[in-house]
Amino acid sequence: MIHCLGEALVDLICERPVRSLAEADAFAPHFGGALANVAVAAARAGAQAGLAGAAGDDAWGRWVRERLEAEGVDLTFFDLAPGARTPVAFATVDPSGEPSFEIYGEAIADALNLLGPRVSELAAASEALVFGSTTLAEEGEREVTDRARAAAFEHGVRVCFDPNIRPNRWHGGIARAHQASRERVSRSFLVRTNRDEAVAITGTDDPRQAAGELAAMGAELAVVTLGAEGAVMRGACEAEALAPEVELVSSIGAGDAFMGTLVAELARRKWRSEDAGEALVPALAAAARACTHWSAVA
C-alpha cells in the first residue's frame, strides 16, 4: 500500500483567469488537498493507495470522504475529526495558468493529532510513504510527520518526499520551508520538486544540476518537473522526458497528478531504481491531463 500522509480539503476555485483574488467574482467547489490528490492519482494509475490524515467531521468532510471512497482510496488511516472544520483553499489562476492559494482552517493540525498514536501501525501497513511540506509548517504537525518518516525508515518503507511548498502556511517566512525541505531529502527513495523549489533547496539554477544536487544530498531518485518542458531524473537512474502538448486551463494539481502517477508506476516496476525513468512518461501524461481542467481531480 502506498500511503499519502497529509491533508484533504475543499478547493474553492475561481474558474476564470484573474490577476488577483480581488478580481474573483465566484468560486466553485472542487476536491483538493495535495496529498489527497496524490492518493487519487496513484489509485487511478492502478496502485493500492491510501490517505493518512483527516478532514473535519462536517458536511464538507463527508463530501471529501465520499469522493475518496469513490476513487478507491483506502481510508484505514483517515478520520473525520470531531469538532473540526474541513479546511478550504481559495484558489485563483492568473492569465498564464499559474495558481495561487489562500488556505483557511486548522483541521490539518487536527488530522495529524489523530494520526499521531498510529504512526508505527501506518508504517507497518505501507510499502511507501508519501509526504509533503504542508505538514511541516507547524510544530505539532511536523513532530507527527517526522515520527511517521522515522517509523517508515525503521520498517524499511520507501519514503517519497514532494515539498509542494505553500507559502501562506509558513508564517515565519518561506526560507523556513526551504530549510525544512532541505533537511528531509536525505534517505528518501524519491524526492520530487518543481523548478523553483529545486533552485531554492539546492541553490542551483540549472534543473539538471539541481536534480543531481538533490541526489547528492541523499535522495536515491531526484526528479525536477519543468512544466511544459517535461521532467528530469537524476540519482540511481538518469532520464528525461518531454511533456505532452495540451491546451492549458490551469496547472492546479498538475504536480500532484504527476507525483501520484509516478509512485504508482514505480510500484508497478517493483521499485526498481534502474527502471524508474520509464515512469516519467505516464506521470507527465497525467500532469498534462490535469492542466486541461480546473482541478487535479475532475
Protein backbone atom coordinates (compact mmCIF):
# COMPACT_ATOMS: atom_id res chain seq x y z
CA MET A 1 0.00 0.00 0.00
CA ILE A 2 1.22 3.49 -0.89
CA HIS A 3 0.14 5.75 1.96
CA CYS A 4 -0.02 9.51 1.46
CA LEU A 5 0.35 11.50 4.67
CA GLY A 6 -1.38 14.84 4.64
CA GLU A 7 -4.38 16.98 4.00
CA ALA A 8 -7.71 16.60 2.28
CA LEU A 9 -9.63 19.82 1.80
CA VAL A 10 -12.01 21.72 -0.45
CA ASP A 11 -10.60 23.90 -3.21
CA LEU A 12 -12.86 26.85 -3.97
CA ILE A 13 -11.67 27.79 -7.42
CA CYS A 14 -12.38 30.90 -9.45
CA GLU A 15 -12.90 29.30 -12.84
CA ARG A 16 -11.58 32.14 -14.93
CA PRO A 17 -8.14 33.78 -15.10
CA VAL A 18 -7.69 36.75 -12.77
CA ARG A 19 -4.69 38.81 -11.79
CA SER A 20 -5.51 38.74 -8.06
CA LEU A 21 -8.00 37.39 -5.53
CA ALA A 22 -9.70 40.80 -5.53
CA GLU A 23 -10.82 40.25 -9.15
CA ALA A 24 -12.51 36.90 -8.41
CA ASP A 25 -16.30 37.12 -8.53
CA ALA A 26 -17.32 33.48 -7.99
CA PHE A 27 -15.83 30.23 -6.70
CA ALA A 28 -16.75 26.61 -7.46
CA PRO A 29 -16.03 23.76 -5.00
CA HIS A 30 -13.58 21.05 -6.07
CA PHE A 31 -11.94 18.13 -4.29
CA GLY A 32 -8.47 19.12 -3.12
CA GLY A 33 -5.51 18.80 -0.81
CA ALA A 34 -2.09 17.94 -2.21
CA LEU A 35 -1.70 14.51 -0.61
CA ALA A 36 -5.35 13.63 -1.22
CA ASN A 37 -4.77 14.45 -4.89
CA VAL A 38 -1.63 12.30 -4.91
CA ALA A 39 -3.56 9.38 -3.41
CA VAL A 40 -6.32 9.69 -6.01
CA ALA A 41 -3.81 9.93 -8.86
CA ALA A 42 -1.98 6.83 -7.60
CA ALA A 43 -5.26 4.90 -7.31
CA ARG A 44 -6.31 5.96 -10.81
CA ALA A 45 -2.93 4.74 -12.08
CA GLY A 46 -3.66 1.29 -10.67
CA ALA A 47 -1.84 1.34 -7.33
CA GLN A 48 -3.19 0.41 -3.94
CA ALA A 49 -3.20 3.86 -2.35
CA GLY A 50 -4.41 5.20 0.96
CA LEU A 51 -4.69 8.62 2.61
CA ALA A 52 -3.43 9.04 6.18
CA GLY A 53 -4.94 12.11 7.79
CA ALA A 54 -8.35 13.60 8.42
CA ALA A 55 -10.91 16.16 7.42
CA GLY A 56 -13.39 17.85 9.70
CA ASP A 57 -16.48 15.97 10.86
CA ASP A 58 -18.76 18.32 8.95
CA ALA A 59 -20.66 18.39 5.66
CA TRP A 60 -17.54 19.22 3.64
CA GLY A 61 -15.54 16.50 5.36
CA ARG A 62 -18.17 13.91 4.49
CA TRP A 63 -18.21 15.26 0.93
CA VAL A 64 -14.43 14.77 0.71
CA ARG A 65 -14.60 11.28 2.23
CA GLU A 66 -17.27 10.16 -0.23
CA ARG A 67 -15.09 11.23 -3.13
CA LEU A 68 -12.06 9.43 -1.75
CA GLU A 69 -14.14 6.26 -1.34
CA ALA A 70 -15.48 6.60 -4.90
CA GLU A 71 -11.88 6.76 -6.19
CA GLY A 72 -10.94 3.57 -4.36
CA VAL A 73 -8.56 5.27 -1.92
CA ASP A 74 -8.03 3.23 1.26
CA LEU A 75 -9.21 5.14 4.34
CA THR A 76 -7.93 2.88 7.12
CA PHE A 77 -5.84 5.77 8.44
CA PHE A 78 -8.24 8.57 7.52
CA ASP A 79 -10.71 10.04 10.03
CA LEU A 80 -13.26 12.81 10.35
CA ALA A 81 -12.09 14.93 13.25
CA PRO A 82 -14.88 15.67 15.77
CA GLY A 83 -15.47 19.38 16.23
CA ALA A 84 -13.07 20.35 13.43
CA ARG A 85 -13.96 22.20 10.27
CA THR A 86 -12.65 20.91 6.97
CA PRO A 87 -10.10 23.37 5.54
CA VAL A 88 -10.92 25.31 2.40
CA ALA A 89 -8.49 26.85 -0.04
CA PHE A 90 -9.49 29.82 -2.17
CA ALA A 91 -7.67 29.31 -5.45
CA THR A 92 -7.18 31.72 -8.32
CA VAL A 93 -5.36 31.23 -11.59
CA ASP A 94 -3.51 34.04 -13.34
CA PRO A 95 -3.62 34.61 -17.11
CA SER A 96 -0.57 32.33 -17.59
CA GLY A 97 -2.36 29.44 -15.86
CA GLU A 98 -0.38 29.59 -12.59
CA PRO A 99 -2.42 29.15 -9.40
CA SER A 100 -2.33 30.91 -6.03
CA PHE A 101 -3.92 29.58 -2.84
CA GLU A 102 -5.20 31.03 0.42
CA ILE A 103 -5.90 28.19 2.89
CA TYR A 104 -8.31 28.64 5.80
CA GLY A 105 -8.92 26.20 8.66
CA GLU A 106 -6.87 24.30 11.20
CA ALA A 107 -8.01 20.74 10.52
CA ILE A 108 -4.55 19.87 9.18
CA ALA A 109 -3.29 20.05 12.77
CA ASP A 110 -6.31 18.09 14.00
CA ALA A 111 -5.66 15.43 11.35
CA LEU A 112 -2.07 14.92 12.44
CA ASN A 113 -3.06 14.85 16.12
CA LEU A 114 -5.47 12.00 15.40
CA LEU A 115 -2.84 10.14 13.39
CA GLY A 116 -0.04 10.61 15.92
CA PRO A 117 -0.68 7.48 18.01
CA ARG A 118 -0.87 5.32 14.87
CA VAL A 119 2.38 6.15 13.05
CA SER A 120 4.01 2.77 13.76
CA GLU A 121 0.86 1.00 12.61
CA LEU A 122 0.86 3.15 9.48
CA ALA A 123 4.47 2.29 8.68
CA ALA A 124 3.83 -1.43 9.19
CA ALA A 125 0.98 -1.28 6.67
CA SER A 126 2.93 0.60 3.97
CA GLU A 127 5.30 -0.19 1.14
CA ALA A 128 5.80 3.52 0.53
CA LEU A 129 5.05 6.71 2.47
CA VAL A 130 4.50 9.94 0.55
CA PHE A 131 4.53 13.29 2.34
CA GLY A 132 5.00 16.99 1.62
CA SER A 133 5.93 20.21 3.36
CA THR A 134 2.39 21.29 4.29
CA THR A 135 2.54 19.12 7.43
CA LEU A 136 5.97 20.52 8.35
CA ALA A 137 4.92 24.14 8.80
CA GLU A 138 3.77 23.97 12.44
CA GLU A 139 5.50 22.28 15.36
CA GLY A 140 2.84 19.69 16.25
CA GLU A 141 2.26 18.64 12.66
CA ARG A 142 5.99 18.49 11.99
CA GLU A 143 6.57 16.25 15.03
CA VAL A 144 4.00 13.69 13.84
CA THR A 145 5.26 13.84 10.25
CA ASP A 146 8.84 13.26 11.37
CA ARG A 147 7.79 10.35 13.59
CA ALA A 148 5.94 8.79 10.65
CA ARG A 149 9.01 9.28 8.48
CA ALA A 150 11.27 7.72 11.11
CA ALA A 151 8.89 4.78 11.55
CA ALA A 152 8.91 4.26 7.79
CA PHE A 153 12.71 4.07 7.77
CA GLU A 154 12.63 1.60 10.68
CA HIS A 155 10.19 -0.65 8.80
CA GLY A 156 12.13 -0.47 5.51
CA VAL A 157 9.36 1.56 3.86
CA ARG A 158 10.29 3.70 0.86
CA VAL A 159 9.93 7.38 1.75
CA CYS A 160 8.85 9.71 -1.05
CA PHE A 161 9.00 13.48 -0.46
CA ASP A 162 7.29 16.16 -2.54
CA PRO A 163 7.89 19.57 -0.90
CA ASN A 164 4.98 21.23 -2.78
CA ILE A 165 5.54 24.41 -0.79
CA ARG A 166 2.52 26.60 0.01
CA PRO A 167 3.98 29.97 1.16
CA ASN A 168 0.95 31.06 3.20
CA ARG A 169 1.39 28.05 5.51
CA TRP A 170 4.85 29.29 6.53
CA HIS A 171 4.23 32.28 8.76
CA GLY A 172 7.89 32.61 9.72
CA GLY A 173 8.94 33.12 6.11
CA ILE A 174 9.41 30.96 3.05
CA ALA A 175 13.07 30.34 3.90
CA ARG A 176 11.85 28.07 6.72
CA ALA A 177 10.06 25.92 4.15
CA HIS A 178 13.17 25.62 2.04
CA GLN A 179 15.28 24.66 5.06
CA ALA A 180 12.71 22.14 6.31
CA SER A 181 12.62 20.57 2.85
CA ARG A 182 16.40 20.50 2.60
CA GLU A 183 16.62 18.65 5.93
CA ARG A 184 14.30 15.87 4.75
CA VAL A 185 15.88 14.97 1.43
CA SER A 186 18.41 12.56 2.96
CA ARG A 187 17.50 8.84 2.89
CA SER A 188 14.44 9.45 0.69
CA PHE A 189 13.79 6.94 -2.03
CA LEU A 190 12.24 9.71 -4.17
CA VAL A 191 12.24 13.50 -4.00
CA ARG A 192 10.15 15.47 -6.48
CA THR A 193 10.33 19.25 -6.77
CA ASN A 194 9.30 21.82 -9.31
CA ARG A 195 11.89 24.12 -10.84
CA ASP A 196 11.53 26.94 -8.31
CA GLU A 197 11.66 24.57 -5.33
CA ALA A 198 14.73 22.84 -6.74
CA VAL A 199 16.55 26.16 -7.10
CA ALA A 200 15.59 27.28 -3.59
CA ILE A 201 16.54 23.99 -1.93
CA THR A 202 19.82 23.41 -3.77
CA GLY A 203 20.91 26.93 -4.70
CA THR A 204 21.49 25.72 -8.26
CA ASP A 205 19.76 27.41 -11.21
CA ASP A 206 20.12 24.62 -13.75
CA PRO A 207 17.37 22.00 -13.20
CA ARG A 208 19.60 19.09 -14.23
CA GLN A 209 22.31 20.17 -11.84
CA ALA A 210 19.66 20.76 -9.16
CA ALA A 211 18.36 17.20 -9.58
CA GLY A 212 21.92 15.97 -9.27
CA GLU A 213 22.36 18.05 -6.10
CA LEU A 214 19.20 16.54 -4.58
CA ALA A 215 20.61 13.09 -5.30
CA ALA A 216 23.92 14.10 -3.74
CA MET A 217 22.00 15.25 -0.65
CA GLY A 218 20.78 11.70 -0.18
CA ALA A 219 17.78 11.06 -2.46
CA GLU A 220 18.01 7.75 -4.31
CA LEU A 221 15.90 9.25 -7.11
CA ALA A 222 15.57 13.00 -7.62
CA VAL A 223 13.04 14.42 -10.08
CA VAL A 224 12.62 18.06 -11.08
CA THR A 225 9.47 18.88 -13.04
CA LEU A 226 9.68 21.69 -15.58
CA GLY A 227 6.07 22.37 -16.56
CA ALA A 228 5.61 22.25 -20.30
CA GLU A 229 9.29 21.30 -20.70
CA GLY A 230 8.83 17.94 -19.00
CA ALA A 231 10.97 16.48 -16.23
CA VAL A 232 14.48 15.33 -15.43
CA MET A 233 15.54 12.47 -13.14
CA ARG A 234 18.93 12.03 -11.55
CA GLY A 235 20.46 9.72 -8.93
CA ALA A 236 20.20 5.94 -9.27
CA CYS A 237 18.57 6.48 -12.66
CA GLU A 238 19.22 9.29 -15.14
CA ALA A 239 16.37 10.10 -17.50
CA GLU A 240 14.50 12.98 -19.11
CA ALA A 241 11.14 13.24 -20.85
CA LEU A 242 9.09 15.93 -22.55
CA ALA A 243 5.55 16.82 -21.51
CA PRO A 244 2.68 16.27 -23.97
CA GLU A 245 1.28 19.42 -25.52
CA VAL A 246 -2.18 20.36 -24.23
CA GLU A 247 -4.35 23.45 -24.14
CA LEU A 248 -3.67 24.88 -20.69
CA VAL A 249 -6.65 25.73 -18.50
CA SER A 250 -4.95 25.64 -15.10
CA SER A 251 -1.93 23.97 -13.53
CA ILE A 252 -3.78 23.38 -10.23
CA GLY A 253 -2.91 19.87 -9.08
CA ALA A 254 -0.65 19.04 -12.02
CA GLY A 255 2.28 18.31 -9.72
CA ASP A 256 0.05 16.13 -7.54
CA ALA A 257 -1.13 14.17 -10.57
CA PHE A 258 2.49 13.73 -11.61
CA MET A 259 3.61 12.55 -8.17
CA GLY A 260 0.73 10.12 -7.66
CA THR A 261 1.19 8.56 -11.08
CA LEU A 262 4.97 8.44 -10.66
CA VAL A 263 4.84 6.48 -7.40
CA ALA A 264 2.17 4.16 -8.85
CA GLU A 265 4.38 3.46 -11.86
CA LEU A 266 7.41 2.88 -9.63
CA ALA A 267 5.36 0.40 -7.59
CA ARG A 268 4.30 -1.33 -10.81
CA ARG A 269 8.02 -1.77 -11.57
CA LYS A 270 8.65 -3.23 -8.08
CA TRP A 271 10.50 -0.04 -7.09
CA ARG A 272 13.50 -0.91 -9.26
CA SER A 273 15.54 2.27 -9.45
CA GLU A 274 17.15 1.24 -12.73
CA ASP A 275 13.71 1.20 -14.40
CA ALA A 276 12.48 4.45 -12.83
CA GLY A 277 12.97 6.52 -15.96
CA GLU A 278 10.16 4.59 -17.65
CA ALA A 279 7.74 6.12 -15.13
CA LEU A 280 8.30 9.70 -16.30
CA VAL A 281 6.20 9.48 -19.48
CA PRO A 282 2.95 8.28 -17.84
CA ALA A 283 3.49 10.71 -14.96
CA LEU A 284 3.88 13.63 -17.36
CA ALA A 285 0.79 12.49 -19.28
CA ALA A 286 -1.25 12.57 -16.05
CA ALA A 287 0.07 16.03 -15.21
CA ALA A 288 -0.83 17.25 -18.70
CA ARG A 289 -4.39 15.94 -18.35
CA ALA A 290 -4.72 17.79 -15.05
CA CYS A 291 -3.84 21.00 -16.87
CA THR A 292 -6.88 20.70 -19.13
CA HIS A 293 -9.43 21.36 -16.38
CA TRP A 294 -9.74 23.44 -13.23
CA SER A 295 -8.62 20.97 -10.56
CA ALA A 296 -6.39 17.93 -10.10
CA VAL A 297 -9.38 15.59 -9.79
CA ALA A 298 -12.01 16.05 -12.47
